[in-house]
Amino acid sequence: MKLITAIIKPFKLDEVREALSGIGIQGMTVTEVKGYGRQKGQTEIYRGAEYAVNFLPKLKLEAAVDDQLVDPVLEAISNAARTGKIGDGKIFVQDLASAIRIRTGEAGPEAL
């Protein structure tokens, strides 16, 4: 099992969700986060004054998936979240030692 974490632009959420649903991913967690990468934030003008916005709004998606779904999930997220511009985001893949469904007590891949 793997835990896939993706940081994406907020307006891409619906496209990513639909792409993941299309390959059978039934659940995910979405968190509003702020951050920056190579784009190093941006400058904005508010009431005539320019100021720096160092942390940009992003969404963090997390999905636990079985090993054979990792490549399709990575492809689905990459294709759906890509705009071709700086700040499209990142995807991280981590090993997931265990998963337990609280309601039923199922463990391992069956809990996903």
N, C-alpha and C. Protein backbone atom coordinates (compact mmCIF):
# COMPACT_ATOMS: atom_id res chain seq x y z
N MET A 1 0.85 -1.18 0.00
CA MET A 1 0.00 0.00 0.00
C MET A 1 0.88 1.24 0.00
N LYS A 2 0.38 2.28 -0.60
CA LYS A 2 1.10 3.55 -0.67
C LYS A 2 0.18 4.68 -0.25
N LEU A 3 0.76 5.73 0.30
CA LEU A 3 0.05 6.97 0.58
C LEU A 3 0.52 7.98 -0.44
N ILE A 4 -0.38 8.45 -1.27
CA ILE A 4 -0.05 9.44 -2.29
C ILE A 4 -0.54 10.79 -1.83
N THR A 5 0.39 11.74 -1.79
CA THR A 5 0.08 13.11 -1.39
C THR A 5 0.37 14.01 -2.58
N ALA A 6 -0.61 14.81 -2.97
CA ALA A 6 -0.43 15.73 -4.09
C ALA A 6 -0.76 17.14 -3.64
N ILE A 7 0.09 18.08 -4.02
CA ILE A 7 -0.15 19.50 -3.79
C ILE A 7 -0.52 20.10 -5.14
N ILE A 8 -1.73 20.66 -5.23
CA ILE A 8 -2.22 21.15 -6.52
C ILE A 8 -2.80 22.54 -6.38
N LYS A 9 -3.05 23.17 -7.53
CA LYS A 9 -3.75 24.45 -7.54
C LYS A 9 -5.22 24.22 -7.20
N PRO A 10 -5.82 25.11 -6.41
CA PRO A 10 -7.20 24.88 -5.95
C PRO A 10 -8.22 24.69 -7.07
N PHE A 11 -8.09 25.41 -8.16
CA PHE A 11 -9.10 25.32 -9.22
C PHE A 11 -9.03 24.02 -10.01
N LYS A 12 -8.02 23.20 -9.74
CA LYS A 12 -7.87 21.91 -10.42
C LYS A 12 -8.50 20.75 -9.65
N LEU A 13 -9.09 21.02 -8.48
CA LEU A 13 -9.60 19.95 -7.63
C LEU A 13 -10.65 19.10 -8.33
N ASP A 14 -11.64 19.71 -8.95
CA ASP A 14 -12.72 18.93 -9.57
C ASP A 14 -12.18 18.03 -10.68
N GLU A 15 -11.25 18.53 -11.48
CA GLU A 15 -10.69 17.71 -12.55
C GLU A 15 -9.91 16.53 -11.99
N VAL A 16 -9.14 16.76 -10.93
CA VAL A 16 -8.37 15.67 -10.32
C VAL A 16 -9.31 14.66 -9.69
N ARG A 17 -10.33 15.12 -8.99
CA ARG A 17 -11.29 14.21 -8.35
C ARG A 17 -11.99 13.33 -9.39
N GLU A 18 -12.41 13.94 -10.49
CA GLU A 18 -13.06 13.17 -11.55
C GLU A 18 -12.11 12.15 -12.18
N ALA A 19 -10.86 12.54 -12.38
CA ALA A 19 -9.87 11.62 -12.95
C ALA A 19 -9.63 10.43 -12.01
N LEU A 20 -9.56 10.69 -10.71
CA LEU A 20 -9.34 9.61 -9.75
C LEU A 20 -10.58 8.72 -9.64
N SER A 21 -11.75 9.31 -9.67
CA SER A 21 -12.98 8.51 -9.64
C SER A 21 -13.05 7.61 -10.86
N GLY A 22 -12.58 8.10 -12.00
CA GLY A 22 -12.60 7.33 -13.23
C GLY A 22 -11.74 6.08 -13.20
N ILE A 23 -10.74 6.04 -12.31
CA ILE A 23 -9.89 4.84 -12.21
C ILE A 23 -10.19 4.05 -10.94
N GLY A 24 -11.29 4.40 -10.26
CA GLY A 24 -11.74 3.59 -9.15
C GLY A 24 -11.30 4.02 -7.77
N ILE A 25 -10.70 5.19 -7.64
CA ILE A 25 -10.32 5.68 -6.31
C ILE A 25 -11.57 6.24 -5.66
N GLN A 26 -11.97 5.65 -4.53
CA GLN A 26 -13.24 5.99 -3.91
C GLN A 26 -13.14 7.05 -2.84
N GLY A 27 -11.97 7.25 -2.27
CA GLY A 27 -11.87 8.22 -1.18
C GLY A 27 -10.56 8.96 -1.19
N MET A 28 -10.60 10.17 -0.68
CA MET A 28 -9.40 10.98 -0.53
C MET A 28 -9.66 12.02 0.54
N THR A 29 -8.61 12.60 1.04
CA THR A 29 -8.71 13.70 2.00
C THR A 29 -8.14 14.94 1.32
N VAL A 30 -8.85 16.05 1.46
CA VAL A 30 -8.41 17.31 0.86
C VAL A 30 -8.26 18.34 1.98
N THR A 31 -7.12 19.02 1.99
CA THR A 31 -6.82 20.04 3.00
C THR A 31 -6.39 21.31 2.30
N GLU A 32 -6.88 22.46 2.77
CA GLU A 32 -6.40 23.73 2.25
C GLU A 32 -5.07 24.04 2.94
N VAL A 33 -4.06 24.30 2.12
CA VAL A 33 -2.72 24.60 2.64
C VAL A 33 -2.17 25.83 1.94
N LYS A 34 -1.07 26.35 2.44
CA LYS A 34 -0.37 27.45 1.79
C LYS A 34 1.09 27.08 1.68
N GLY A 35 1.73 27.51 0.62
CA GLY A 35 3.14 27.21 0.46
C GLY A 35 3.69 27.84 -0.80
N TYR A 36 4.95 27.53 -1.06
CA TYR A 36 5.57 27.99 -2.30
C TYR A 36 6.71 27.06 -2.64
N GLY A 37 7.08 27.08 -3.89
CA GLY A 37 8.21 26.30 -4.38
C GLY A 37 9.14 27.24 -5.14
N ARG A 38 9.43 26.86 -6.35
CA ARG A 38 10.32 27.69 -7.17
C ARG A 38 9.72 29.04 -7.52
N GLN A 39 8.39 29.13 -7.49
CA GLN A 39 7.76 30.40 -7.87
C GLN A 39 8.00 31.48 -6.83
N LYS A 40 8.35 31.11 -5.61
CA LYS A 40 8.72 32.03 -4.54
C LYS A 40 7.66 33.08 -4.25
N GLY A 41 6.40 32.71 -4.34
CA GLY A 41 5.34 33.66 -4.04
C GLY A 41 5.12 34.62 -5.19
N GLN A 42 4.45 35.71 -4.90
CA GLN A 42 4.16 36.70 -5.93
C GLN A 42 3.92 38.04 -5.26
N THR A 43 3.85 39.10 -6.06
CA THR A 43 3.52 40.41 -5.51
C THR A 43 2.13 40.79 -5.97
N GLU A 44 1.40 41.45 -5.10
CA GLU A 44 0.06 41.92 -5.41
C GLU A 44 -0.08 43.37 -4.99
N ILE A 45 -1.07 44.03 -5.58
CA ILE A 45 -1.33 45.42 -5.23
C ILE A 45 -2.67 45.49 -4.50
N TYR A 46 -2.65 46.07 -3.31
CA TYR A 46 -3.86 46.22 -2.51
C TYR A 46 -3.96 47.68 -2.08
N ARG A 47 -5.04 48.34 -2.50
CA ARG A 47 -5.27 49.76 -2.21
C ARG A 47 -4.07 50.62 -2.58
N GLY A 48 -3.51 50.33 -3.73
CA GLY A 48 -2.42 51.13 -4.26
C GLY A 48 -1.05 50.78 -3.74
N ALA A 49 -0.95 49.89 -2.78
CA ALA A 49 0.35 49.52 -2.23
C ALA A 49 0.71 48.10 -2.69
N GLU A 50 1.95 47.93 -3.09
CA GLU A 50 2.41 46.61 -3.52
C GLU A 50 2.96 45.86 -2.32
N TYR A 51 2.60 44.59 -2.20
CA TYR A 51 3.12 43.78 -1.11
C TYR A 51 3.37 42.37 -1.61
N ALA A 52 4.22 41.66 -0.91
CA ALA A 52 4.60 40.31 -1.32
C ALA A 52 3.71 39.28 -0.64
N VAL A 53 3.26 38.32 -1.43
CA VAL A 53 2.52 37.18 -0.90
C VAL A 53 3.48 36.00 -0.98
N ASN A 54 4.05 35.61 0.16
CA ASN A 54 5.07 34.57 0.15
C ASN A 54 4.49 33.16 0.10
N PHE A 55 3.31 32.99 0.65
CA PHE A 55 2.70 31.66 0.67
C PHE A 55 1.43 31.70 -0.15
N LEU A 56 1.37 30.85 -1.17
CA LEU A 56 0.23 30.83 -2.08
C LEU A 56 -0.75 29.73 -1.67
N PRO A 57 -2.05 29.95 -1.89
CA PRO A 57 -3.03 28.92 -1.54
C PRO A 57 -2.91 27.70 -2.45
N LYS A 58 -2.91 26.55 -1.85
CA LYS A 58 -2.85 25.27 -2.57
C LYS A 58 -3.80 24.31 -1.88
N LEU A 59 -4.01 23.15 -2.50
CA LEU A 59 -4.77 22.07 -1.89
C LEU A 59 -3.86 20.87 -1.77
N LYS A 60 -3.97 20.17 -0.64
CA LYS A 60 -3.23 18.93 -0.44
C LYS A 60 -4.22 17.78 -0.49
N LEU A 61 -4.02 16.87 -1.44
CA LEU A 61 -4.85 15.67 -1.57
C LEU A 61 -4.07 14.49 -1.04
N GLU A 62 -4.73 13.64 -0.27
CA GLU A 62 -4.10 12.43 0.22
C GLU A 62 -5.01 11.25 -0.10
N ALA A 63 -4.41 10.19 -0.64
CA ALA A 63 -5.17 8.99 -0.97
C ALA A 63 -4.29 7.78 -0.68
N ALA A 64 -4.86 6.83 0.04
CA ALA A 64 -4.18 5.56 0.29
C ALA A 64 -4.63 4.60 -0.81
N VAL A 65 -3.66 3.99 -1.50
CA VAL A 65 -3.99 3.12 -2.62
C VAL A 65 -3.20 1.83 -2.55
N ASP A 66 -3.74 0.79 -3.17
CA ASP A 66 -3.04 -0.48 -3.28
C ASP A 66 -1.90 -0.31 -4.27
N ASP A 67 -0.86 -1.13 -4.13
CA ASP A 67 0.35 -0.98 -4.93
C ASP A 67 0.11 -0.97 -6.44
N GLN A 68 -0.82 -1.80 -6.93
CA GLN A 68 -1.02 -1.86 -8.38
C GLN A 68 -1.72 -0.62 -8.94
N LEU A 69 -2.28 0.23 -8.08
CA LEU A 69 -2.94 1.45 -8.55
C LEU A 69 -2.04 2.68 -8.54
N VAL A 70 -0.82 2.54 -8.05
CA VAL A 70 0.06 3.71 -7.89
C VAL A 70 0.30 4.41 -9.23
N ASP A 71 0.74 3.68 -10.24
CA ASP A 71 1.04 4.33 -11.53
C ASP A 71 -0.18 4.98 -12.17
N PRO A 72 -1.35 4.30 -12.22
CA PRO A 72 -2.53 4.98 -12.77
C PRO A 72 -2.93 6.23 -11.98
N VAL A 73 -2.78 6.19 -10.66
CA VAL A 73 -3.13 7.36 -9.84
C VAL A 73 -2.18 8.51 -10.13
N LEU A 74 -0.88 8.22 -10.21
CA LEU A 74 0.09 9.27 -10.51
C LEU A 74 -0.18 9.90 -11.87
N GLU A 75 -0.50 9.07 -12.85
CA GLU A 75 -0.79 9.57 -14.19
C GLU A 75 -2.07 10.42 -14.20
N ALA A 76 -3.10 9.95 -13.49
CA ALA A 76 -4.37 10.68 -13.45
C ALA A 76 -4.19 12.05 -12.80
N ILE A 77 -3.48 12.09 -11.67
CA ILE A 77 -3.27 13.37 -10.99
C ILE A 77 -2.43 14.30 -11.85
N SER A 78 -1.34 13.77 -12.40
CA SER A 78 -0.45 14.61 -13.23
C SER A 78 -1.18 15.22 -14.41
N ASN A 79 -1.95 14.41 -15.12
CA ASN A 79 -2.65 14.91 -16.31
C ASN A 79 -3.75 15.90 -15.95
N ALA A 80 -4.48 15.63 -14.88
CA ALA A 80 -5.61 16.49 -14.52
C ALA A 80 -5.16 17.80 -13.87
N ALA A 81 -4.04 17.80 -13.16
CA ALA A 81 -3.60 18.99 -12.43
C ALA A 81 -2.68 19.89 -13.25
N ARG A 82 -2.20 19.40 -14.38
CA ARG A 82 -1.20 20.14 -15.17
C ARG A 82 -1.82 21.32 -15.90
N THR A 83 -1.22 22.50 -15.72
CA THR A 83 -1.57 23.67 -16.52
C THR A 83 -0.42 24.05 -17.44
N GLY A 84 0.77 23.55 -17.14
CA GLY A 84 1.95 23.89 -17.92
C GLY A 84 2.64 25.14 -17.42
N LYS A 85 2.14 25.70 -16.34
CA LYS A 85 2.73 26.92 -15.78
C LYS A 85 3.37 26.61 -14.43
N ILE A 86 4.24 27.50 -14.00
CA ILE A 86 4.92 27.31 -12.73
C ILE A 86 3.89 27.25 -11.60
N GLY A 87 4.16 26.41 -10.61
CA GLY A 87 3.26 26.29 -9.47
C GLY A 87 2.20 25.22 -9.62
N ASP A 88 2.32 24.33 -10.60
CA ASP A 88 1.34 23.26 -10.78
C ASP A 88 1.31 22.30 -9.60
N GLY A 89 2.42 22.15 -8.89
CA GLY A 89 2.42 21.34 -7.68
C GLY A 89 3.39 20.19 -7.72
N LYS A 90 3.22 19.29 -6.76
CA LYS A 90 4.10 18.13 -6.60
C LYS A 90 3.26 16.93 -6.17
N ILE A 91 3.81 15.74 -6.40
CA ILE A 91 3.19 14.50 -5.93
C ILE A 91 4.26 13.72 -5.17
N PHE A 92 3.89 13.22 -4.00
CA PHE A 92 4.79 12.43 -3.18
C PHE A 92 4.17 11.05 -2.95
N VAL A 93 5.01 10.03 -2.96
CA VAL A 93 4.54 8.66 -2.73
C VAL A 93 5.32 8.10 -1.54
N GLN A 94 4.58 7.60 -0.55
CA GLN A 94 5.20 7.02 0.65
C GLN A 94 4.66 5.62 0.88
N ASP A 95 5.50 4.77 1.45
CA ASP A 95 5.03 3.45 1.85
C ASP A 95 4.05 3.60 3.00
N LEU A 96 3.01 2.79 2.97
CA LEU A 96 1.98 2.81 4.01
C LEU A 96 2.02 1.45 4.69
N ALA A 97 2.43 1.43 5.95
CA ALA A 97 2.61 0.17 6.67
C ALA A 97 1.29 -0.52 6.98
N SER A 98 0.26 0.24 7.31
CA SER A 98 -0.99 -0.37 7.73
C SER A 98 -2.14 0.59 7.50
N ALA A 99 -3.32 0.00 7.34
CA ALA A 99 -4.56 0.79 7.27
C ALA A 99 -5.64 -0.04 7.94
N ILE A 100 -6.49 0.62 8.71
CA ILE A 100 -7.57 -0.07 9.41
C ILE A 100 -8.85 0.72 9.22
N ARG A 101 -9.90 0.04 8.78
CA ARG A 101 -11.21 0.67 8.69
C ARG A 101 -11.85 0.57 10.07
N ILE A 102 -12.10 1.71 10.68
CA ILE A 102 -12.59 1.74 12.06
C ILE A 102 -13.93 1.05 12.20
N ARG A 103 -14.85 1.28 11.29
CA ARG A 103 -16.21 0.73 11.39
C ARG A 103 -16.21 -0.79 11.44
N THR A 104 -15.42 -1.43 10.56
CA THR A 104 -15.50 -2.89 10.43
C THR A 104 -14.30 -3.62 11.04
N GLY A 105 -13.22 -2.90 11.28
CA GLY A 105 -12.01 -3.54 11.79
C GLY A 105 -11.16 -4.17 10.71
N GLU A 106 -11.57 -4.03 9.43
CA GLU A 106 -10.77 -4.57 8.33
C GLU A 106 -9.40 -3.91 8.34
N ALA A 107 -8.38 -4.69 7.96
CA ALA A 107 -7.02 -4.17 7.94
C ALA A 107 -6.37 -4.46 6.61
N GLY A 108 -5.32 -3.70 6.30
CA GLY A 108 -4.58 -3.90 5.06
C GLY A 108 -5.32 -3.35 3.86
N PRO A 109 -5.05 -3.90 2.66
CA PRO A 109 -5.67 -3.39 1.43
C PRO A 109 -7.20 -3.44 1.45
N GLU A 110 -7.77 -4.39 2.20
CA GLU A 110 -9.24 -4.47 2.29
C GLU A 110 -9.83 -3.23 2.97
N ALA A 111 -9.04 -2.54 3.78
CA ALA A 111 -9.53 -1.36 4.50
C ALA A 111 -9.57 -0.13 3.60
N LEU A 112 -8.92 -0.22 2.45
CA LEU A 112 -8.89 0.95 1.57
C LEU A 112 -10.20 1.05 0.84
